[in-house]
C-alpha atoms as a PDB file:
ATOM      1  CA  MET A   1     -82.781 112.052  28.199  1.00  0.00           C
ATOM      2  CA  SER A   2     -81.355 108.519  28.330  1.00  0.00           C
ATOM      3  CA  VAL A   3     -77.966 107.638  29.789  1.00  0.00           C
ATOM      4  CA  LEU A   4     -76.699 106.833  26.297  1.00  0.00           C
ATOM      5  CA  SER A   5     -77.631 110.308  25.052  1.00  0.00           C
ATOM      6  CA  LYS A   6     -75.527 111.920  27.807  1.00  0.00           C
ATOM      7  CA  ILE A   7     -72.312 110.046  27.063  1.00  0.00           C
ATOM      8  CA  LYS A   8     -69.260 112.181  26.283  1.00  0.00           C
ATOM      9  CA  TRP A   9     -67.280 110.513  23.536  1.00  0.00           C
ATOM     10  CA  ASN A  10     -63.538 110.630  22.876  1.00  0.00           C
ATOM     11  CA  THR A  11     -62.346 110.227  19.304  1.00  0.00           C
ATOM     12  CA  ILE A  12     -59.527 108.375  17.547  1.00  0.00           C
ATOM     13  CA  LYS A  13     -58.911 108.873  13.837  1.00  0.00           C
ATOM     14  CA  CYS A  14     -59.567 105.414  12.413  1.00  0.00           C
ATOM     15  CA  THR A  15     -61.542 104.621   9.275  1.00  0.00           C
ATOM     16  CA  LYS A  16     -63.733 101.559   8.786  1.00  0.00           C
ATOM     17  CA  LYS A  17     -61.144 100.287   6.327  1.00  0.00           C
ATOM     18  CA  GLU A  18     -58.786 100.055   9.295  1.00  0.00           C
ATOM     19  CA  LEU A  19     -61.290  98.681  11.824  1.00  0.00           C
ATOM     20  CA  ARG A  20     -64.810  97.286  11.667  1.00  0.00           C
ATOM     21  CA  LEU A  21     -66.102  96.970  15.219  1.00  0.00           C
ATOM     22  CA  ASP A  22     -69.095  94.853  14.254  1.00  0.00           C
ATOM     23  CA  ILE A  23     -66.892  92.150  12.742  1.00  0.00           C
ATOM     24  CA  SER A  24     -63.734  92.392  14.858  1.00  0.00           C
ATOM     25  CA  LEU A  25     -65.513  92.281  18.226  1.00  0.00           C
ATOM     26  CA  LYS A  26     -68.091  89.644  17.339  1.00  0.00           C
ATOM     27  CA  CYS A  27     -66.287  87.179  15.065  1.00  0.00           C
ATOM     28  CA  GLY A  28     -65.030  84.772  17.720  1.00  0.00           C
ATOM     29  CA  GLN A  29     -61.864  86.475  18.940  1.00  0.00           C
ATOM     30  CA  SER A  30     -63.296  87.955  22.124  1.00  0.00           C
ATOM     31  CA  PHE A  31     -66.460  86.655  23.728  1.00  0.00           C
ATOM     32  CA  ARG A  32     -67.920  89.207  26.146  1.00  0.00           C
ATOM     33  CA  TRP A  33     -68.797  92.249  24.037  1.00  0.00           C
ATOM     34  CA  LYS A  34     -72.448  93.303  24.078  1.00  0.00           C
ATOM     35  CA  SER A  35     -74.111  95.591  21.536  1.00  0.00           C
ATOM     36  CA  ILE A  36     -76.814  98.236  22.071  1.00  0.00           C
ATOM     37  CA  GLU A  37     -78.780  99.941  19.319  1.00  0.00           C
ATOM     38  CA  HIS A  38     -79.268 103.660  19.999  1.00  0.00           C
ATOM     39  CA  GLU A  39     -80.386 106.412  17.600  1.00  0.00           C
ATOM     40  CA  ASN A  40     -79.427 104.413  14.498  1.00  0.00           C
ATOM     41  CA  GLU A  41     -76.004 103.595  15.926  1.00  0.00           C
ATOM     42  CA  THR A  42     -74.546 100.401  17.348  1.00  0.00           C
ATOM     43  CA  ILE A  43     -72.698 100.847  20.629  1.00  0.00           C
ATOM     44  CA  PHE A  44     -70.423  98.045  21.851  1.00  0.00           C
ATOM     45  CA  VAL A  45     -70.051  97.606  25.602  1.00  0.00           C
ATOM     46  CA  GLY A  46     -67.430  95.504  27.332  1.00  0.00           C
ATOM     47  CA  VAL A  47     -64.756  95.141  29.983  1.00  0.00           C
ATOM     48  CA  ILE A  48     -61.054  95.529  29.232  1.00  0.00           C
ATOM     49  CA  ASP A  49     -59.017  94.687  32.319  1.00  0.00           C
ATOM     50  CA  LYS A  50     -61.193  96.183  35.081  1.00  0.00           C
ATOM     51  CA  ASN A  51     -62.603  99.049  33.016  1.00  0.00           C
ATOM     52  CA  LEU A  52     -66.008  99.320  31.338  1.00  0.00           C
ATOM     53  CA  LEU A  53     -65.691 100.799  27.860  1.00  0.00           C
ATOM     54  CA  LEU A  54     -68.134 101.812  25.154  1.00  0.00           C
ATOM     55  CA  PHE A  55     -67.251 102.014  21.468  1.00  0.00           C
ATOM     56  CA  LYS A  56     -68.993 103.190  18.337  1.00  0.00           C
ATOM     57  CA  GLN A  57     -67.743 104.371  14.975  1.00  0.00           C
ATOM     58  CA  ASP A  58     -68.497 106.239  11.792  1.00  0.00           C
ATOM     59  CA  GLU A  59     -66.706 106.124   8.460  1.00  0.00           C
ATOM     60  CA  GLN A  60     -63.732 108.165   9.671  1.00  0.00           C
ATOM     61  CA  PHE A  61     -63.513 107.864  13.470  1.00  0.00           C
ATOM     62  CA  LEU A  62     -63.544 105.400  16.353  1.00  0.00           C
ATOM     63  CA  HIS A  63     -65.401 106.880  19.327  1.00  0.00           C
ATOM     64  CA  TYR A  64     -64.933 105.610  22.873  1.00  0.00           C
ATOM     65  CA  SER A  65     -66.106 106.346  26.392  1.00  0.00           C
ATOM     66  CA  ILE A  66     -64.723 104.957  29.643  1.00  0.00           C
ATOM     67  CA  GLU A  67     -67.796 104.515  31.818  1.00  0.00           C
ATOM     68  CA  HIS A  68     -65.976 102.988  34.759  1.00  0.00           C
ATOM     69  CA  GLY A  69     -62.284 102.967  35.628  1.00  0.00           C
ATOM     70  CA  HIS A  70     -59.380 104.599  33.850  1.00  0.00           C
ATOM     71  CA  MET A  71     -57.589 103.593  30.669  1.00  0.00           C
ATOM     72  CA  GLU A  72     -55.010 105.443  28.630  1.00  0.00           C
ATOM     73  CA  GLU A  73     -55.808 105.942  24.959  1.00  0.00           C
ATOM     74  CA  GLU A  74     -52.598 104.167  24.015  1.00  0.00           C
ATOM     75  CA  LYS A  75     -53.883 101.000  25.704  1.00  0.00           C
ATOM     76  CA  ILE A  76     -57.098 101.238  23.712  1.00  0.00           C
ATOM     77  CA  LYS A  77     -55.077 101.555  20.519  1.00  0.00           C
ATOM     78  CA  ASP A  78     -53.001  98.566  21.615  1.00  0.00           C
ATOM     79  CA  TYR A  79     -56.126  96.467  22.243  1.00  0.00           C
ATOM     80  CA  PHE A  80     -57.242  97.088  18.664  1.00  0.00           C
ATOM     81  CA  ASN A  81     -53.699  96.696  17.281  1.00  0.00           C
ATOM     82  CA  LEU A  82     -53.992 100.103  15.633  1.00  0.00           C
ATOM     83  CA  GLY A  83     -50.234 100.291  15.131  1.00  0.00           C
ATOM     84  CA  VAL A  84     -50.693  97.876  12.211  1.00  0.00           C
ATOM     85  CA  ASP A  85     -51.553  99.496   8.865  1.00  0.00           C
ATOM     86  CA  LEU A  86     -54.330  97.109   7.902  1.00  0.00           C
ATOM     87  CA  GLU A  87     -55.382  98.831   4.689  1.00  0.00           C
ATOM     88  CA  SER A  88     -51.918  98.447   3.173  1.00  0.00           C
ATOM     89  CA  LEU A  89     -51.852  94.769   4.195  1.00  0.00           C
ATOM     90  CA  TYR A  90     -55.215  94.225   2.482  1.00  0.00           C
ATOM     91  CA  LYS A  91     -53.709  95.661  -0.702  1.00  0.00           C
ATOM     92  CA  GLN A  92     -50.661  93.393  -0.473  1.00  0.00           C
ATOM     93  CA  TRP A  93     -52.742  90.263   0.200  1.00  0.00           C
ATOM     94  CA  SER A  94     -55.194  91.111  -2.604  1.00  0.00           C
ATOM     95  CA  LYS A  95     -52.350  91.237  -5.138  1.00  0.00           C
ATOM     96  CA  VAL A  96     -51.234  87.683  -4.393  1.00  0.00           C
ATOM     97  CA  ASP A  97     -54.546  86.013  -3.499  1.00  0.00           C
ATOM     98  CA  PRO A  98     -57.492  86.395  -5.894  1.00  0.00           C
ATOM     99  CA  ILE A  99     -59.928  84.826  -3.424  1.00  0.00           C
ATOM    100  CA  PHE A 100     -58.942  87.314  -0.722  1.00  0.00           C
ATOM    101  CA  ASN A 101     -59.204  90.094  -3.302  1.00  0.00           C
ATOM    102  CA  ASP A 102     -62.858  89.196  -3.930  1.00  0.00           C
ATOM    103  CA  ILE A 103     -63.792  88.688  -0.266  1.00  0.00           C
ATOM    104  CA  SER A 104     -62.001  91.777   1.068  1.00  0.00           C
ATOM    105  CA  VAL A 105     -64.334  94.127  -0.799  1.00  0.00           C
ATOM    106  CA  ASN A 106     -67.212  93.112   1.490  1.00  0.00           C
ATOM    107  CA  TYR A 107     -65.170  92.656   4.664  1.00  0.00           C
ATOM    108  CA  PRO A 108     -62.828  95.609   5.194  1.00  0.00           C
ATOM    109  CA  GLY A 109     -61.341  96.359   8.592  1.00  0.00           C
ATOM    110  CA  VAL A 110     -61.278  92.823   9.999  1.00  0.00           C
ATOM    111  CA  ARG A 111     -58.539  93.302  12.557  1.00  0.00           C
ATOM    112  CA  MET A 112     -56.864  90.913  14.984  1.00  0.00           C
ATOM    113  CA  LEU A 113     -57.286  92.143  18.549  1.00  0.00           C
ATOM    114  CA  ARG A 114     -54.404  92.203  21.041  1.00  0.00           C
ATOM    115  CA  GLN A 115     -56.232  91.051  24.127  1.00  0.00           C
ATOM    116  CA  HIS A 116     -55.042  90.466  27.672  1.00  0.00           C
ATOM    117  CA  PRO A 117     -53.485  86.996  27.441  1.00  0.00           C
ATOM    118  CA  VAL A 118     -55.131  85.649  30.609  1.00  0.00           C
ATOM    119  CA  GLU A 119     -58.697  86.112  29.385  1.00  0.00           C
ATOM    120  CA  ASN A 120     -57.751  85.110  25.865  1.00  0.00           C
ATOM    121  CA  LEU A 121     -56.038  81.899  26.938  1.00  0.00           C
ATOM    122  CA  PHE A 122     -58.852  80.626  29.143  1.00  0.00           C
ATOM    123  CA  SER A 123     -61.460  81.677  26.596  1.00  0.00           C
ATOM    124  CA  PHE A 124     -59.806  79.482  23.993  1.00  0.00           C
ATOM    125  CA  ILE A 125     -59.558  76.554  26.384  1.00  0.00           C
ATOM    126  CA  CYS A 126     -63.354  76.883  26.472  1.00  0.00           C
ATOM    127  CA  SER A 127     -63.484  76.946  22.672  1.00  0.00           C
ATOM    128  CA  ALA A 128     -62.594  73.271  22.110  1.00  0.00           C
ATOM    129  CA  ASN A 129     -65.436  71.515  20.226  1.00  0.00           C
ATOM    130  CA  ASN A 130     -67.698  74.460  20.902  1.00  0.00           C
ATOM    131  CA  ASN A 131     -69.588  77.328  19.226  1.00  0.00           C
ATOM    132  CA  ILE A 132     -69.383  81.082  19.782  1.00  0.00           C
ATOM    133  CA  GLN A 133     -72.657  81.375  21.678  1.00  0.00           C
ATOM    134  CA  ARG A 134     -71.744  78.637  24.140  1.00  0.00           C
ATOM    135  CA  ILE A 135     -68.150  79.853  24.517  1.00  0.00           C
ATOM    136  CA  SER A 136     -69.490  83.327  25.307  1.00  0.00           C
ATOM    137  CA  GLY A 137     -71.710  81.893  28.041  1.00  0.00           C
ATOM    138  CA  MET A 138     -68.816  79.976  29.576  1.00  0.00           C
ATOM    139  CA  VAL A 139     -66.458  82.973  29.580  1.00  0.00           C
ATOM    140  CA  GLU A 140     -69.182  85.148  31.093  1.00  0.00           C
ATOM    141  CA  ASN A 141     -69.730  82.533  33.816  1.00  0.00           C
ATOM    142  CA  LEU A 142     -66.007  82.474  34.599  1.00  0.00           C
ATOM    143  CA  ALA A 143     -66.126  86.243  35.089  1.00  0.00           C
ATOM    144  CA  LYS A 144     -69.289  86.180  37.219  1.00  0.00           C
ATOM    145  CA  GLU A 145     -68.116  83.292  39.388  1.00  0.00           C
ATOM    146  CA  TYR A 146     -64.460  84.215  39.925  1.00  0.00           C
ATOM    147  CA  GLY A 147     -64.007  87.804  38.721  1.00  0.00           C
ATOM    148  CA  SER A 148     -64.953  91.079  40.426  1.00  0.00           C
ATOM    149  CA  LYS A 149     -68.009  93.155  39.687  1.00  0.00           C
ATOM    150  CA  VAL A 150     -66.949  96.251  37.761  1.00  0.00           C
ATOM    151  CA  CYS A 151     -70.279  98.083  37.614  1.00  0.00           C
ATOM    152  CA  GLU A 152     -73.837  98.031  36.336  1.00  0.00           C
ATOM    153  CA  PHE A 153     -74.738  99.683  33.047  1.00  0.00           C
ATOM    154  CA  GLN A 154     -78.083  99.793  31.277  1.00  0.00           C
ATOM    155  CA  GLY A 155     -79.468  97.046  33.487  1.00  0.00           C
ATOM    156  CA  ASN A 156     -76.544  94.639  32.999  1.00  0.00           C
ATOM    157  CA  GLU A 157     -73.816  93.723  35.466  1.00  0.00           C
ATOM    158  CA  TYR A 158     -70.258  93.665  34.148  1.00  0.00           C
ATOM    159  CA  TYR A 159     -67.386  91.715  35.669  1.00  0.00           C
ATOM    160  CA  SER A 160     -63.637  91.641  35.266  1.00  0.00           C
ATOM    161  CA  PHE A 161     -62.049  88.411  34.117  1.00  0.00           C
ATOM    162  CA  PRO A 162     -60.660  86.449  37.100  1.00  0.00           C
ATOM    163  CA  ASP A 163     -57.020  86.491  38.130  1.00  0.00           C
ATOM    164  CA  ILE A 164     -55.122  83.260  37.511  1.00  0.00           C
ATOM    165  CA  ASP A 165     -54.917  82.341  41.211  1.00  0.00           C
ATOM    166  CA  LYS A 166     -58.726  82.365  41.451  1.00  0.00           C
ATOM    167  CA  LEU A 167     -58.938  79.737  38.716  1.00  0.00           C
ATOM    168  CA  ALA A 168     -56.233  77.596  40.330  1.00  0.00           C
ATOM    169  CA  GLN A 169     -58.123  77.131  43.607  1.00  0.00           C
ATOM    170  CA  THR A 170     -59.151  73.672  44.727  1.00  0.00           C
ATOM    171  CA  GLY A 171     -62.768  73.120  43.796  1.00  0.00           C
ATOM    172  CA  VAL A 172     -62.766  75.160  40.595  1.00  0.00           C
ATOM    173  CA  GLU A 173     -63.094  72.058  38.427  1.00  0.00           C
ATOM    174  CA  ALA A 174     -66.101  70.794  40.385  1.00  0.00           C
ATOM    175  CA  LYS A 175     -67.848  74.162  40.278  1.00  0.00           C
ATOM    176  CA  LEU A 176     -67.263  74.601  36.561  1.00  0.00           C
ATOM    177  CA  ARG A 177     -68.616  71.132  35.876  1.00  0.00           C
ATOM    178  CA  GLU A 178     -71.784  72.206  37.707  1.00  0.00           C
ATOM    179  CA  LEU A 179     -71.924  75.200  35.362  1.00  0.00           C
ATOM    180  CA  GLY A 180     -71.743  72.988  32.269  1.00  0.00           C
ATOM    181  CA  PHE A 181     -68.073  73.303  31.293  1.00  0.00           C
ATOM    182  CA  GLY A 182     -67.655  69.519  31.000  1.00  0.00           C
ATOM    183  CA  TYR A 183     -64.110  68.240  30.479  1.00  0.00           C
ATOM    184  CA  ARG A 184     -62.874  71.818  29.979  1.00  0.00           C
ATOM    185  CA  ALA A 185     -63.308  72.409  33.729  1.00  0.00           C
ATOM    186  CA  LYS A 186     -60.319  70.185  34.513  1.00  0.00           C
ATOM    187  CA  TYR A 187     -58.195  71.919  31.881  1.00  0.00           C
ATOM    188  CA  ILE A 188     -58.954  75.358  33.335  1.00  0.00           C
ATOM    189  CA  GLU A 189     -57.970  74.469  36.919  1.00  0.00           C
ATOM    190  CA  GLU A 190     -54.870  72.531  35.825  1.00  0.00           C
ATOM    191  CA  SER A 191     -53.675  75.218  33.404  1.00  0.00           C
ATOM    192  CA  ALA A 192     -54.165  77.966  35.973  1.00  0.00           C
ATOM    193  CA  GLY A 193     -52.030  76.029  38.455  1.00  0.00           C
ATOM    194  CA  LYS A 194     -49.342  75.359  35.849  1.00  0.00           C
ATOM    195  CA  ILE A 195     -49.197  79.030  34.814  1.00  0.00           C
ATOM    196  CA  LEU A 196     -48.673  80.028  38.453  1.00  0.00           C
ATOM    197  CA  GLN A 197     -45.797  77.527  38.681  1.00  0.00           C
ATOM    198  CA  LEU A 198     -44.223  78.992  35.542  1.00  0.00           C
ATOM    199  CA  GLY A 199     -44.402  82.572  36.816  1.00  0.00           C
ATOM    200  CA  GLY A 200     -48.018  83.651  36.501  1.00  0.00           C
ATOM    201  CA  GLU A 201     -49.169  86.568  34.389  1.00  0.00           C
ATOM    202  CA  GLU A 202     -45.565  87.735  33.936  1.00  0.00           C
ATOM    203  CA  TRP A 203     -44.736  84.417  32.245  1.00  0.00           C
ATOM    204  CA  LEU A 204     -47.686  84.787  29.882  1.00  0.00           C
ATOM    205  CA  PHE A 205     -46.652  88.289  28.842  1.00  0.00           C
ATOM    206  CA  SER A 206     -43.079  87.069  28.301  1.00  0.00           C
ATOM    207  CA  LEU A 207     -44.345  84.908  25.423  1.00  0.00           C
ATOM    208  CA  ARG A 208     -44.863  88.090  23.395  1.00  0.00           C
ATOM    209  CA  LYS A 209     -41.080  88.527  23.293  1.00  0.00           C
ATOM    210  CA  MET A 210     -40.406  85.019  21.971  1.00  0.00           C
ATOM    211  CA  ASP A 211     -40.426  83.857  18.381  1.00  0.00           C
ATOM    212  CA  TYR A 212     -43.477  81.954  17.166  1.00  0.00           C
ATOM    213  CA  GLN A 213     -42.199  78.396  17.629  1.00  0.00           C
ATOM    214  CA  GLU A 214     -40.796  79.012  21.108  1.00  0.00           C
ATOM    215  CA  ALA A 215     -43.962  80.733  22.306  1.00  0.00           C
ATOM    216  CA  LYS A 216     -46.108  77.948  20.879  1.00  0.00           C
ATOM    217  CA  GLN A 217     -44.078  75.210  22.558  1.00  0.00           C
ATOM    218  CA  ASN A 218     -44.466  77.030  25.869  1.00  0.00           C
ATOM    219  CA  LEU A 219     -48.248  77.144  25.495  1.00  0.00           C
ATOM    220  CA  LEU A 220     -48.406  73.461  24.603  1.00  0.00           C
ATOM    221  CA  GLN A 221     -47.290  72.666  28.168  1.00  0.00           C
ATOM    222  CA  LEU A 222     -50.748  73.620  29.386  1.00  0.00           C
ATOM    223  CA  SER A 223     -53.753  71.312  29.756  1.00  0.00           C
ATOM    224  CA  GLY A 224     -56.374  71.713  27.069  1.00  0.00           C
ATOM    225  CA  ILE A 225     -54.094  73.565  24.665  1.00  0.00           C
ATOM    226  CA  GLY A 226     -53.227  71.815  21.422  1.00  0.00           C
ATOM    227  CA  PRO A 227     -51.634  73.297  18.288  1.00  0.00           C
ATOM    228  CA  LYS A 228     -54.821  74.992  17.010  1.00  0.00           C
ATOM    229  CA  VAL A 229     -55.763  76.598  20.336  1.00  0.00           C
ATOM    230  CA  ALA A 230     -52.151  77.687  20.851  1.00  0.00           C
ATOM    231  CA  ASP A 231     -52.174  79.435  17.478  1.00  0.00           C
ATOM    232  CA  CYS A 232     -55.421  81.252  18.339  1.00  0.00           C
ATOM    233  CA  ILE A 233     -53.933  82.501  21.613  1.00  0.00           C
ATOM    234  CA  LEU A 234     -50.733  83.651  19.918  1.00  0.00           C
ATOM    235  CA  LEU A 235     -52.663  85.413  17.156  1.00  0.00           C
ATOM    236  CA  MET A 236     -55.213  87.214  19.324  1.00  0.00           C
ATOM    237  CA  SER A 237     -53.228  88.219  22.422  1.00  0.00           C
END
């Protein structure tokens, strides 16, 4: 019996109209989720904070397993923004936007994630003039180079995203240039240093309590973050 067949799944009531894993995890919001096909199901594997989680779903339920670490179910719900009634929003938007009304039939459950702002911010610094495949490679390299190994699963090694101080070290820019980050390497080291000056991770989380314009102006202080990237960070974390 394979490892995947032995997994014990936990269940959250959540229909596909409220969340589509295949779209929400792979549409360019978050860049490190892997998928495994097993017994006619797609299982998504990824790291949230320093925990390795697996997700799958059917029409009525979201199923999850914590393969390494510990994570409260409420934090999982928060990651997927499950406190937002997406189906009712789809109905509201469809009434006022005929284009959305047509598109939404084929794309239910496209939900904005509420990611950890550190990984989200540096991921979107990598996104400038880039594509999803290349962004994914860069974010994975950041984790491998400066994060901590979480565990191995199904032949793959999984890493946590690095703490801000790791990315602010002297020499980060040079190393990232070696890894193919180009001009983004400078932005990453400079922004990490600036965030530490402003208060570190606590400062980033404080942006959630600000109104949109104030939070955006705060983000625009950072190297490599213009109006579009700032909006992506605010929307997805």
